[in-house]
Amino acid sequence: MRTIALISGGIDSPVAAYLMAERGSEVILLHMDNRPYSDDRSLVKVKDVASVLRKATGQKMPLLIAEHGSNQTDISRSCDRRYQCVLCKRLMLATAERVAESYGAEALIMGDSLGQVASQTLHNIKASSAGLRMPVLRPLIGLDKLEIEALAKHIGTYEISIGPEQSCLAVPPKPATMASPENMRDMESRLDLGMMVERTIASMTVNDP
């Protein structure tokens, strides 16, 4: 089974990619480059994490990098800022689904852990995934932070992930925690979602090992 794993330089998503690789999935990594809402260190970290994952799993794990900052700008200008994080995740999943189709992948992987941050409440997970045609695998969903950190240390990604990086500047002061598919339809009516996905796909580059 081939899968597309959305990956950042943080702690959770590399662990999710590792666990699915250990279960026999051929994993392709997709990083949504959040600059200028993050700094260059985020890109350095994700490349370093990808290198460690390749060694830990023995897989090639190509790293795809796609520009996402303009999506963040469009969301913040056109939509209720409370839904920024959910819409951000929705755009990432929509893009990952398109990438999966072009690479012959059958599922997407995310590092969600239920309730850990605002975008990972049950309501927001449901809202961000509504309408997707592909399954989203969330191998960390029932793990707590300490369990995930222990796995990251075992893999060798933990020290990289806790390194300095600018926090996402697009996060609103009071993010919504109970979004609904209806909220998403309302917000998306203010955006050209298809164009945003196409623009992101067009920007994508491949960082092979």
N, C-alpha and C. Protein backbone atom coordinates (compact mmCIF):
# COMPACT_ATOMS: atom_id res chain seq x y z
N MET A 1 0.85 -1.20 0.00
CA MET A 1 0.00 0.00 0.00
C MET A 1 0.88 1.24 0.00
N ARG A 2 0.63 2.13 -0.94
CA ARG A 2 1.36 3.39 -1.00
C ARG A 2 0.51 4.49 -0.35
N THR A 3 1.16 5.34 0.44
CA THR A 3 0.44 6.40 1.15
C THR A 3 1.20 7.72 1.03
N ILE A 4 0.46 8.82 1.23
CA ILE A 4 1.05 10.15 1.28
C ILE A 4 0.94 10.64 2.71
N ALA A 5 2.09 10.94 3.32
CA ALA A 5 2.11 11.42 4.70
C ALA A 5 2.37 12.92 4.72
N LEU A 6 1.43 13.69 5.24
CA LEU A 6 1.66 15.10 5.47
C LEU A 6 2.64 15.23 6.63
N ILE A 7 3.73 15.96 6.40
CA ILE A 7 4.80 15.96 7.40
C ILE A 7 5.33 17.37 7.64
N SER A 8 5.62 17.65 8.89
CA SER A 8 6.26 18.90 9.28
C SER A 8 7.54 18.54 10.02
N GLY A 9 8.21 19.56 10.55
CA GLY A 9 9.38 19.30 11.37
C GLY A 9 9.03 19.07 12.82
N GLY A 10 7.74 19.02 13.14
CA GLY A 10 7.29 18.82 14.51
C GLY A 10 7.45 17.38 14.98
N ILE A 11 6.97 17.10 16.16
CA ILE A 11 7.16 15.78 16.78
C ILE A 11 6.23 14.73 16.20
N ASP A 12 4.97 15.08 15.98
CA ASP A 12 3.93 14.07 15.73
C ASP A 12 3.97 13.44 14.34
N SER A 13 3.98 14.26 13.30
CA SER A 13 3.82 13.72 11.95
C SER A 13 4.94 12.76 11.53
N PRO A 14 6.21 12.98 11.92
CA PRO A 14 7.22 11.97 11.58
C PRO A 14 6.95 10.62 12.24
N VAL A 15 6.43 10.64 13.45
CA VAL A 15 6.11 9.39 14.15
C VAL A 15 4.98 8.66 13.41
N ALA A 16 3.98 9.42 12.97
CA ALA A 16 2.88 8.80 12.22
C ALA A 16 3.38 8.16 10.93
N ALA A 17 4.27 8.85 10.21
CA ALA A 17 4.83 8.29 8.98
C ALA A 17 5.63 7.02 9.28
N TYR A 18 6.40 7.05 10.34
CA TYR A 18 7.21 5.89 10.74
C TYR A 18 6.33 4.68 11.06
N LEU A 19 5.29 4.90 11.84
CA LEU A 19 4.43 3.79 12.24
C LEU A 19 3.77 3.13 11.03
N MET A 20 3.32 3.94 10.07
CA MET A 20 2.70 3.35 8.89
C MET A 20 3.72 2.64 8.01
N ALA A 21 4.95 3.16 7.96
CA ALA A 21 6.01 2.47 7.22
C ALA A 21 6.31 1.13 7.86
N GLU A 22 6.32 1.09 9.19
CA GLU A 22 6.58 -0.15 9.91
C GLU A 22 5.45 -1.16 9.69
N ARG A 23 4.29 -0.69 9.31
CA ARG A 23 3.17 -1.59 9.03
C ARG A 23 3.13 -1.98 7.56
N GLY A 24 4.18 -1.66 6.84
CA GLY A 24 4.31 -2.14 5.47
C GLY A 24 3.91 -1.16 4.39
N SER A 25 3.52 0.06 4.77
CA SER A 25 3.13 1.04 3.76
C SER A 25 4.36 1.68 3.12
N GLU A 26 4.31 1.86 1.82
CA GLU A 26 5.32 2.63 1.10
C GLU A 26 4.93 4.11 1.24
N VAL A 27 5.74 4.87 1.96
CA VAL A 27 5.37 6.23 2.35
C VAL A 27 6.08 7.27 1.49
N ILE A 28 5.29 8.21 0.97
CA ILE A 28 5.80 9.40 0.31
C ILE A 28 5.48 10.58 1.22
N LEU A 29 6.46 11.42 1.48
CA LEU A 29 6.29 12.55 2.39
C LEU A 29 5.89 13.81 1.63
N LEU A 30 4.94 14.54 2.16
CA LEU A 30 4.51 15.81 1.57
C LEU A 30 4.57 16.89 2.64
N HIS A 31 5.41 17.89 2.39
CA HIS A 31 5.53 19.02 3.31
C HIS A 31 4.91 20.26 2.68
N MET A 32 3.99 20.88 3.42
CA MET A 32 3.37 22.13 2.97
C MET A 32 4.17 23.29 3.57
N ASP A 33 4.91 23.96 2.71
CA ASP A 33 5.83 25.02 3.13
C ASP A 33 5.04 26.26 3.53
N ASN A 34 5.07 26.55 4.82
CA ASN A 34 4.21 27.59 5.39
C ASN A 34 4.82 28.99 5.36
N ARG A 35 6.00 29.13 4.83
CA ARG A 35 6.61 30.46 4.78
C ARG A 35 5.76 31.41 3.95
N PRO A 36 5.58 32.68 4.28
CA PRO A 36 6.28 33.46 5.31
C PRO A 36 5.66 33.38 6.70
N TYR A 37 4.73 32.45 6.92
CA TYR A 37 4.12 32.30 8.25
C TYR A 37 4.95 31.41 9.17
N SER A 38 6.07 30.93 8.65
CA SER A 38 7.10 30.27 9.45
C SER A 38 8.43 30.75 8.88
N ASP A 39 9.53 30.28 9.43
CA ASP A 39 10.83 30.72 8.93
C ASP A 39 11.56 29.59 8.21
N ASP A 40 12.77 29.89 7.73
CA ASP A 40 13.52 28.91 6.94
C ASP A 40 13.89 27.67 7.75
N ARG A 41 13.95 27.81 9.07
CA ARG A 41 14.33 26.66 9.90
C ARG A 41 13.32 25.52 9.77
N SER A 42 12.06 25.84 9.49
CA SER A 42 11.05 24.79 9.35
C SER A 42 11.38 23.87 8.18
N LEU A 43 11.91 24.44 7.10
CA LEU A 43 12.26 23.64 5.93
C LEU A 43 13.50 22.80 6.19
N VAL A 44 14.47 23.38 6.88
CA VAL A 44 15.67 22.63 7.25
C VAL A 44 15.31 21.44 8.13
N LYS A 45 14.42 21.67 9.11
CA LYS A 45 14.03 20.61 10.03
C LYS A 45 13.33 19.46 9.31
N VAL A 46 12.43 19.80 8.40
CA VAL A 46 11.68 18.72 7.74
C VAL A 46 12.60 17.89 6.85
N LYS A 47 13.60 18.50 6.24
CA LYS A 47 14.56 17.74 5.43
C LYS A 47 15.40 16.82 6.32
N ASP A 48 15.79 17.34 7.50
CA ASP A 48 16.56 16.51 8.44
C ASP A 48 15.71 15.35 8.97
N VAL A 49 14.45 15.63 9.27
CA VAL A 49 13.54 14.58 9.74
C VAL A 49 13.37 13.50 8.67
N ALA A 50 13.20 13.93 7.43
CA ALA A 50 13.04 12.96 6.33
C ALA A 50 14.27 12.06 6.22
N SER A 51 15.45 12.63 6.40
CA SER A 51 16.68 11.85 6.33
C SER A 51 16.72 10.78 7.43
N VAL A 52 16.31 11.15 8.64
CA VAL A 52 16.29 10.19 9.76
C VAL A 52 15.25 9.10 9.50
N LEU A 53 14.09 9.48 8.98
CA LEU A 53 13.05 8.49 8.69
C LEU A 53 13.52 7.47 7.65
N ARG A 54 14.26 7.93 6.66
CA ARG A 54 14.77 7.00 5.65
C ARG A 54 15.70 5.96 6.27
N LYS A 55 16.55 6.43 7.17
CA LYS A 55 17.48 5.50 7.83
C LYS A 55 16.73 4.55 8.76
N ALA A 56 15.72 5.06 9.46
CA ALA A 56 14.99 4.25 10.43
C ALA A 56 14.12 3.19 9.77
N THR A 57 13.62 3.49 8.57
CA THR A 57 12.68 2.58 7.92
C THR A 57 13.28 1.78 6.77
N GLY A 58 14.40 2.27 6.24
CA GLY A 58 14.98 1.63 5.06
C GLY A 58 14.25 1.95 3.78
N GLN A 59 13.32 2.89 3.84
CA GLN A 59 12.57 3.29 2.64
C GLN A 59 13.21 4.52 1.99
N LYS A 60 12.92 4.72 0.70
CA LYS A 60 13.42 5.89 -0.02
C LYS A 60 12.73 7.17 0.44
N MET A 61 11.45 7.08 0.72
CA MET A 61 10.65 8.20 1.22
C MET A 61 10.97 9.54 0.53
N PRO A 62 10.63 9.68 -0.75
CA PRO A 62 10.82 10.99 -1.38
C PRO A 62 10.05 12.07 -0.62
N LEU A 63 10.64 13.25 -0.56
CA LEU A 63 10.02 14.38 0.14
C LEU A 63 9.54 15.39 -0.89
N LEU A 64 8.24 15.57 -0.95
CA LEU A 64 7.62 16.57 -1.83
C LEU A 64 7.40 17.83 -1.01
N ILE A 65 7.76 18.98 -1.59
CA ILE A 65 7.61 20.26 -0.88
C ILE A 65 6.74 21.17 -1.73
N ALA A 66 5.64 21.65 -1.15
CA ALA A 66 4.70 22.50 -1.88
C ALA A 66 4.46 23.80 -1.13
N GLU A 67 4.33 24.88 -1.85
CA GLU A 67 4.14 26.21 -1.27
C GLU A 67 2.72 26.33 -0.71
N HIS A 68 2.63 26.77 0.55
CA HIS A 68 1.33 26.84 1.23
C HIS A 68 1.04 28.23 1.82
N GLY A 69 2.04 29.10 1.86
CA GLY A 69 1.86 30.41 2.47
C GLY A 69 0.78 31.24 1.81
N SER A 70 0.68 31.16 0.48
CA SER A 70 -0.34 31.96 -0.22
C SER A 70 -1.75 31.46 0.13
N ASN A 71 -1.89 30.16 0.41
CA ASN A 71 -3.18 29.65 0.86
C ASN A 71 -3.56 30.25 2.21
N GLN A 72 -2.59 30.34 3.10
CA GLN A 72 -2.83 30.94 4.41
C GLN A 72 -3.29 32.39 4.26
N THR A 73 -2.65 33.11 3.35
CA THR A 73 -3.01 34.51 3.11
C THR A 73 -4.44 34.62 2.59
N ASP A 74 -4.79 33.78 1.62
CA ASP A 74 -6.14 33.82 1.05
C ASP A 74 -7.20 33.51 2.12
N ILE A 75 -6.92 32.53 2.96
CA ILE A 75 -7.86 32.18 4.03
C ILE A 75 -8.03 33.34 4.99
N SER A 76 -6.93 33.94 5.42
CA SER A 76 -7.01 35.01 6.43
C SER A 76 -7.72 36.24 5.88
N ARG A 77 -7.61 36.48 4.58
CA ARG A 77 -8.24 37.66 3.98
C ARG A 77 -9.73 37.46 3.70
N SER A 78 -10.13 36.22 3.45
CA SER A 78 -11.49 35.98 2.96
C SER A 78 -12.43 35.33 3.96
N CYS A 79 -11.88 34.72 5.01
CA CYS A 79 -12.70 33.89 5.89
C CYS A 79 -12.65 34.36 7.34
N ASP A 80 -13.58 33.85 8.12
CA ASP A 80 -13.58 34.08 9.56
C ASP A 80 -12.29 33.50 10.13
N ARG A 81 -11.50 34.37 10.77
CA ARG A 81 -10.17 33.97 11.24
C ARG A 81 -10.22 32.81 12.23
N ARG A 82 -11.33 32.63 12.91
CA ARG A 82 -11.42 31.53 13.87
C ARG A 82 -11.23 30.17 13.21
N TYR A 83 -11.54 30.10 11.90
CA TYR A 83 -11.47 28.83 11.19
C TYR A 83 -10.18 28.66 10.40
N GLN A 84 -9.20 29.52 10.64
CA GLN A 84 -7.94 29.48 9.90
C GLN A 84 -7.28 28.11 9.95
N CYS A 85 -7.15 27.54 11.13
CA CYS A 85 -6.41 26.28 11.28
C CYS A 85 -7.15 25.11 10.63
N VAL A 86 -8.47 25.10 10.76
CA VAL A 86 -9.24 24.00 10.16
C VAL A 86 -9.19 24.10 8.64
N LEU A 87 -9.32 25.31 8.11
CA LEU A 87 -9.26 25.50 6.67
C LEU A 87 -7.86 25.21 6.14
N CYS A 88 -6.85 25.57 6.90
CA CYS A 88 -5.47 25.25 6.54
C CYS A 88 -5.33 23.74 6.38
N LYS A 89 -5.80 23.01 7.37
CA LYS A 89 -5.70 21.55 7.32
C LYS A 89 -6.53 20.99 6.16
N ARG A 90 -7.67 21.58 5.91
CA ARG A 90 -8.52 21.13 4.81
C ARG A 90 -7.82 21.31 3.46
N LEU A 91 -7.13 22.44 3.29
CA LEU A 91 -6.37 22.67 2.06
C LEU A 91 -5.23 21.68 1.93
N MET A 92 -4.58 21.38 3.05
CA MET A 92 -3.48 20.42 3.02
C MET A 92 -3.98 19.03 2.61
N LEU A 93 -5.12 18.63 3.17
CA LEU A 93 -5.67 17.32 2.84
C LEU A 93 -6.15 17.25 1.39
N ALA A 94 -6.77 18.33 0.92
CA ALA A 94 -7.23 18.37 -0.48
C ALA A 94 -6.05 18.26 -1.43
N THR A 95 -4.95 18.94 -1.09
CA THR A 95 -3.75 18.86 -1.90
C THR A 95 -3.15 17.46 -1.84
N ALA A 96 -3.06 16.91 -0.63
CA ALA A 96 -2.49 15.56 -0.46
C ALA A 96 -3.30 14.53 -1.24
N GLU A 97 -4.61 14.70 -1.29
CA GLU A 97 -5.44 13.76 -2.03
C GLU A 97 -5.11 13.81 -3.53
N ARG A 98 -4.92 15.01 -4.05
CA ARG A 98 -4.54 15.16 -5.46
C ARG A 98 -3.18 14.54 -5.73
N VAL A 99 -2.25 14.77 -4.82
CA VAL A 99 -0.91 14.19 -4.96
C VAL A 99 -1.01 12.67 -4.92
N ALA A 100 -1.81 12.15 -4.02
CA ALA A 100 -2.00 10.70 -3.89
C ALA A 100 -2.51 10.10 -5.20
N GLU A 101 -3.45 10.77 -5.82
CA GLU A 101 -4.00 10.27 -7.07
C GLU A 101 -2.93 10.20 -8.16
N SER A 102 -2.06 11.22 -8.21
CA SER A 102 -1.04 11.25 -9.25
C SER A 102 0.09 10.25 -8.98
N TYR A 103 0.29 9.87 -7.72
CA TYR A 103 1.34 8.92 -7.36
C TYR A 103 0.81 7.50 -7.15
N GLY A 104 -0.46 7.30 -7.39
CA GLY A 104 -1.03 5.97 -7.23
C GLY A 104 -1.11 5.53 -5.78
N ALA A 105 -1.24 6.49 -4.86
CA ALA A 105 -1.38 6.17 -3.44
C ALA A 105 -2.84 5.92 -3.10
N GLU A 106 -3.04 5.17 -2.00
CA GLU A 106 -4.39 4.74 -1.64
C GLU A 106 -4.94 5.42 -0.40
N ALA A 107 -4.10 6.12 0.36
CA ALA A 107 -4.56 6.74 1.60
C ALA A 107 -3.61 7.87 1.98
N LEU A 108 -4.07 8.71 2.91
CA LEU A 108 -3.29 9.81 3.45
C LEU A 108 -2.95 9.51 4.90
N ILE A 109 -1.85 10.09 5.38
CA ILE A 109 -1.44 9.92 6.78
C ILE A 109 -1.31 11.28 7.43
N MET A 110 -1.87 11.40 8.64
CA MET A 110 -1.70 12.62 9.42
C MET A 110 -1.28 12.26 10.84
N GLY A 111 -0.64 13.20 11.51
CA GLY A 111 -0.15 12.98 12.87
C GLY A 111 -1.08 13.46 13.94
N ASP A 112 -2.38 13.48 13.67
CA ASP A 112 -3.36 13.97 14.66
C ASP A 112 -3.38 13.09 15.90
N SER A 113 -3.43 13.74 17.06
CA SER A 113 -3.66 13.08 18.34
C SER A 113 -4.87 13.76 18.96
N LEU A 114 -5.91 13.01 19.23
CA LEU A 114 -7.20 13.59 19.57
C LEU A 114 -7.12 14.60 20.72
N GLY A 115 -7.55 15.83 20.43
CA GLY A 115 -7.66 16.86 21.46
C GLY A 115 -6.35 17.54 21.82
N GLN A 116 -5.27 17.21 21.15
CA GLN A 116 -3.98 17.77 21.55
C GLN A 116 -3.87 19.27 21.28
N VAL A 117 -4.38 19.71 20.12
CA VAL A 117 -4.43 21.14 19.79
C VAL A 117 -5.81 21.44 19.22
N ALA A 118 -6.08 22.74 18.98
CA ALA A 118 -7.42 23.16 18.57
C ALA A 118 -7.90 22.48 17.30
N SER A 119 -6.99 22.26 16.34
CA SER A 119 -7.41 21.66 15.07
C SER A 119 -7.66 20.17 15.18
N GLN A 120 -7.37 19.58 16.36
CA GLN A 120 -7.49 18.14 16.52
C GLN A 120 -8.61 17.72 17.47
N THR A 121 -9.57 18.62 17.69
CA THR A 121 -10.79 18.18 18.38
C THR A 121 -11.57 17.28 17.41
N LEU A 122 -12.47 16.48 17.95
CA LEU A 122 -13.23 15.58 17.10
C LEU A 122 -14.04 16.35 16.06
N HIS A 123 -14.67 17.47 16.48
CA HIS A 123 -15.44 18.29 15.54
C HIS A 123 -14.55 18.80 14.40
N ASN A 124 -13.36 19.29 14.74
CA ASN A 124 -12.50 19.88 13.72
C ASN A 124 -11.88 18.82 12.81
N ILE A 125 -11.59 17.66 13.35
CA ILE A 125 -11.10 16.57 12.50
C ILE A 125 -12.17 16.17 11.49
N LYS A 126 -13.40 16.07 11.95
CA LYS A 126 -14.51 15.73 11.05
C LYS A 126 -14.69 16.80 9.99
N ALA A 127 -14.64 18.07 10.39
CA ALA A 127 -14.85 19.17 9.45
C ALA A 127 -13.74 19.25 8.42
N SER A 128 -12.50 19.03 8.86
CA SER A 128 -11.37 19.15 7.93
C SER A 128 -11.33 18.02 6.92
N SER A 129 -11.95 16.88 7.26
CA SER A 129 -11.90 15.71 6.38
C SER A 129 -13.16 15.53 5.53
N ALA A 130 -14.17 16.33 5.77
CA ALA A 130 -15.45 16.15 5.07
C ALA A 130 -15.27 16.25 3.56
N GLY A 131 -15.84 15.28 2.84
CA GLY A 131 -15.82 15.32 1.38
C GLY A 131 -14.62 14.67 0.75
N LEU A 132 -13.63 14.25 1.53
CA LEU A 132 -12.47 13.57 0.95
C LEU A 132 -12.88 12.21 0.40
N ARG A 133 -12.25 11.82 -0.69
CA ARG A 133 -12.54 10.52 -1.29
C ARG A 133 -11.62 9.43 -0.75
N MET A 134 -10.49 9.83 -0.20
CA MET A 134 -9.52 8.86 0.29
C MET A 134 -9.57 8.76 1.81
N PRO A 135 -9.27 7.60 2.37
CA PRO A 135 -9.20 7.49 3.82
C PRO A 135 -7.98 8.26 4.36
N VAL A 136 -8.14 8.80 5.57
CA VAL A 136 -7.05 9.48 6.27
C VAL A 136 -6.67 8.61 7.46
N LEU A 137 -5.45 8.11 7.45
CA LEU A 137 -4.97 7.25 8.53
C LEU A 137 -4.33 8.12 9.60
N ARG A 138 -4.72 7.90 10.85
CA ARG A 138 -4.22 8.70 11.98
C ARG A 138 -3.71 7.75 13.07
N PRO A 139 -2.51 7.21 12.90
CA PRO A 139 -2.03 6.18 13.82
C PRO A 139 -1.76 6.68 15.24
N LEU A 140 -1.71 8.01 15.44
CA LEU A 140 -1.44 8.55 16.78
C LEU A 140 -2.71 8.96 17.51
N ILE A 141 -3.86 8.72 16.94
CA ILE A 141 -5.10 9.35 17.41
C ILE A 141 -5.36 9.11 18.90
N GLY A 142 -5.01 7.94 19.43
CA GLY A 142 -5.30 7.65 20.83
C GLY A 142 -4.10 7.74 21.75
N LEU A 143 -2.96 8.22 21.23
CA LEU A 143 -1.75 8.32 22.04
C LEU A 143 -1.67 9.69 22.72
N ASP A 144 -1.05 9.73 23.90
CA ASP A 144 -0.83 11.03 24.53
C ASP A 144 0.56 11.54 24.16
N LYS A 145 0.86 12.77 24.60
CA LYS A 145 2.09 13.42 24.18
C LYS A 145 3.33 12.65 24.62
N LEU A 146 3.31 12.12 25.83
CA LEU A 146 4.48 11.40 26.33
C LEU A 146 4.75 10.13 25.52
N GLU A 147 3.68 9.45 25.11
CA GLU A 147 3.85 8.24 24.30
C GLU A 147 4.43 8.59 22.92
N ILE A 148 3.95 9.68 22.35
CA ILE A 148 4.44 10.11 21.03
C ILE A 148 5.90 10.55 21.13
N GLU A 149 6.24 11.29 22.18
CA GLU A 149 7.63 11.72 22.37
C GLU A 149 8.57 10.52 22.54
N ALA A 150 8.11 9.50 23.26
CA ALA A 150 8.94 8.30 23.44
C ALA A 150 9.22 7.63 22.10
N LEU A 151 8.22 7.56 21.24
CA LEU A 151 8.41 6.98 19.92
C LEU A 151 9.37 7.84 19.08
N ALA A 152 9.23 9.16 19.16
CA ALA A 152 10.12 10.05 18.42
C ALA A 152 11.58 9.88 18.86
N LYS A 153 11.78 9.70 20.15
CA LYS A 153 13.13 9.45 20.65
C LYS A 153 13.68 8.12 20.14
N HIS A 154 12.82 7.12 20.10
CA HIS A 154 13.22 5.81 19.59
C HIS A 154 13.63 5.89 18.12
N ILE A 155 12.89 6.64 17.33
CA ILE A 155 13.17 6.78 15.90
C ILE A 155 14.43 7.61 15.67
N GLY A 156 14.59 8.66 16.49
CA GLY A 156 15.71 9.59 16.31
C GLY A 156 15.32 10.95 15.78
N THR A 157 14.01 11.21 15.71
CA THR A 157 13.56 12.51 15.19
C THR A 157 13.32 13.54 16.29
N TYR A 158 13.27 13.10 17.54
CA TYR A 158 12.85 13.99 18.63
C TYR A 158 13.73 15.22 18.76
N GLU A 159 15.03 15.04 18.78
CA GLU A 159 15.94 16.18 18.98
C GLU A 159 15.84 17.18 17.84
N ILE A 160 15.62 16.69 16.64
CA ILE A 160 15.42 17.60 15.50
C ILE A 160 14.11 18.38 15.69
N SER A 161 13.06 17.68 16.04
CA SER A 161 11.73 18.28 16.12
C SER A 161 11.62 19.35 17.20
N ILE A 162 12.36 19.19 18.30
CA ILE A 162 12.27 20.19 19.38
C ILE A 162 13.21 21.36 19.16
N GLY A 163 13.97 21.34 18.08
CA GLY A 163 14.87 22.44 17.77
C GLY A 163 14.12 23.72 17.47
N PRO A 164 14.82 24.85 17.47
CA PRO A 164 14.16 26.16 17.30
C PRO A 164 13.46 26.29 15.95
N GLU A 165 12.30 26.89 16.01
CA GLU A 165 11.50 27.13 14.80
C GLU A 165 10.44 28.17 15.16
N GLN A 166 10.18 29.08 14.24
CA GLN A 166 9.15 30.09 14.48
C GLN A 166 7.77 29.44 14.48
N SER A 167 6.98 29.75 15.50
CA SER A 167 5.60 29.24 15.53
C SER A 167 4.81 29.82 14.37
N CYS A 168 3.79 29.10 13.92
CA CYS A 168 2.98 29.56 12.79
C CYS A 168 2.33 30.90 13.10
N LEU A 169 2.60 31.88 12.26
CA LEU A 169 2.08 33.23 12.48
C LEU A 169 0.64 33.39 12.02
N ALA A 170 0.12 32.37 11.34
CA ALA A 170 -1.26 32.45 10.84
C ALA A 170 -2.28 31.99 11.87
N VAL A 171 -1.83 31.37 12.96
CA VAL A 171 -2.76 30.86 13.98
C VAL A 171 -3.52 32.03 14.60
N PRO A 172 -4.86 31.97 14.62
CA PRO A 172 -5.66 33.08 15.18
C PRO A 172 -5.60 33.10 16.70
N PRO A 173 -5.94 34.24 17.30
CA PRO A 173 -5.92 34.33 18.77
C PRO A 173 -6.89 33.36 19.43
N LYS A 174 -8.05 33.14 18.81
CA LYS A 174 -9.06 32.24 19.38
C LYS A 174 -9.56 31.27 18.31
N PRO A 175 -8.79 30.21 18.05
CA PRO A 175 -9.22 29.26 17.00
C PRO A 175 -10.48 28.51 17.38
N ALA A 176 -11.31 28.25 16.38
CA ALA A 176 -12.54 27.47 16.59
C ALA A 176 -12.18 26.05 16.98
N THR A 177 -12.94 25.48 17.91
CA THR A 177 -12.73 24.10 18.33
C THR A 177 -13.90 23.19 17.97
N MET A 178 -15.00 23.79 17.46
CA MET A 178 -16.19 22.99 17.14
C MET A 178 -16.70 23.32 15.74
N ALA A 179 -15.79 23.29 14.76
CA ALA A 179 -16.19 23.53 13.38
C ALA A 179 -17.07 22.40 12.89
N SER A 180 -17.84 22.69 11.86
CA SER A 180 -18.73 21.68 11.27
C SER A 180 -18.55 21.67 9.76
N PRO A 181 -18.97 20.60 9.08
CA PRO A 181 -18.93 20.60 7.62
C PRO A 181 -19.70 21.78 7.03
N GLU A 182 -20.76 22.22 7.71
CA GLU A 182 -21.53 23.38 7.24
C GLU A 182 -20.68 24.64 7.31
N ASN A 183 -19.93 24.81 8.39
CA ASN A 183 -19.00 25.93 8.49
C ASN A 183 -18.01 25.91 7.33
N MET A 184 -17.50 24.73 7.01
CA MET A 184 -16.52 24.61 5.94
C MET A 184 -17.13 24.99 4.60
N ARG A 185 -18.35 24.57 4.35
CA ARG A 185 -19.00 24.92 3.08
C ARG A 185 -19.18 26.43 2.98
N ASP A 186 -19.56 27.06 4.09
CA ASP A 186 -19.72 28.51 4.10
C ASP A 186 -18.40 29.20 3.83
N MET A 187 -17.33 28.79 4.53
CA MET A 187 -16.03 29.42 4.35
C MET A 187 -15.48 29.18 2.94
N GLU A 188 -15.66 27.95 2.45
CA GLU A 188 -15.12 27.62 1.13
C GLU A 188 -15.84 28.35 0.01
N SER A 189 -17.08 28.79 0.25
CA SER A 189 -17.79 29.57 -0.76
C SER A 189 -17.12 30.92 -0.98
N ARG A 190 -16.27 31.33 -0.06
CA ARG A 190 -15.55 32.60 -0.18
C ARG A 190 -14.17 32.41 -0.80
N LEU A 191 -13.81 31.17 -1.09
CA LEU A 191 -12.49 30.85 -1.64
C LEU A 191 -12.64 30.13 -2.97
N ASP A 192 -11.59 30.19 -3.78
CA ASP A 192 -11.52 29.37 -4.98
C ASP A 192 -10.64 28.17 -4.64
N LEU A 193 -11.26 27.17 -4.01
CA LEU A 193 -10.51 26.04 -3.49
C LEU A 193 -9.77 25.29 -4.59
N GLY A 194 -10.43 25.10 -5.72
CA GLY A 194 -9.81 24.39 -6.83
C GLY A 194 -8.54 25.09 -7.30
N MET A 195 -8.63 26.41 -7.45
CA MET A 195 -7.46 27.18 -7.88
C MET A 195 -6.34 27.08 -6.86
N MET A 196 -6.68 27.12 -5.58
CA MET A 196 -5.66 27.06 -4.53
C MET A 196 -4.93 25.72 -4.56
N VAL A 197 -5.66 24.64 -4.75
CA VAL A 197 -5.04 23.32 -4.84
C VAL A 197 -4.15 23.24 -6.07
N GLU A 198 -4.64 23.71 -7.21
CA GLU A 198 -3.86 23.69 -8.44
C GLU A 198 -2.57 24.50 -8.29
N ARG A 199 -2.67 25.66 -7.68
CA ARG A 199 -1.50 26.52 -7.46
C ARG A 199 -0.47 25.81 -6.58
N THR A 200 -0.97 25.13 -5.55
CA THR A 200 -0.07 24.41 -4.65
C THR A 200 0.61 23.26 -5.37
N ILE A 201 -0.15 22.50 -6.14
CA ILE A 201 0.43 21.37 -6.89
C ILE A 201 1.49 21.87 -7.87
N ALA A 202 1.20 23.00 -8.54
CA ALA A 202 2.14 23.54 -9.53
C ALA A 202 3.46 23.96 -8.90
N SER A 203 3.43 24.31 -7.61
CA SER A 203 4.65 24.77 -6.93
C SER A 203 5.50 23.63 -6.41
N MET A 204 5.02 22.40 -6.50
CA MET A 204 5.64 21.28 -5.80
C MET A 204 6.98 20.89 -6.41
N THR A 205 7.95 20.66 -5.55
CA THR A 205 9.25 20.16 -5.95
C THR A 205 9.53 18.85 -5.22
N VAL A 206 10.48 18.06 -5.75
CA VAL A 206 10.80 16.77 -5.15
C VAL A 206 12.21 16.83 -4.58
N ASN A 207 12.32 16.50 -3.29
CA ASN A 207 13.61 16.44 -2.61
C ASN A 207 13.93 14.98 -2.37
N ASP A 208 14.62 14.35 -3.34
CA ASP A 208 14.94 12.94 -3.23
C ASP A 208 16.13 12.73 -2.29
N PRO A 209 16.25 11.53 -1.71
CA PRO A 209 17.39 11.24 -0.84
C PRO A 209 18.71 11.27 -1.61
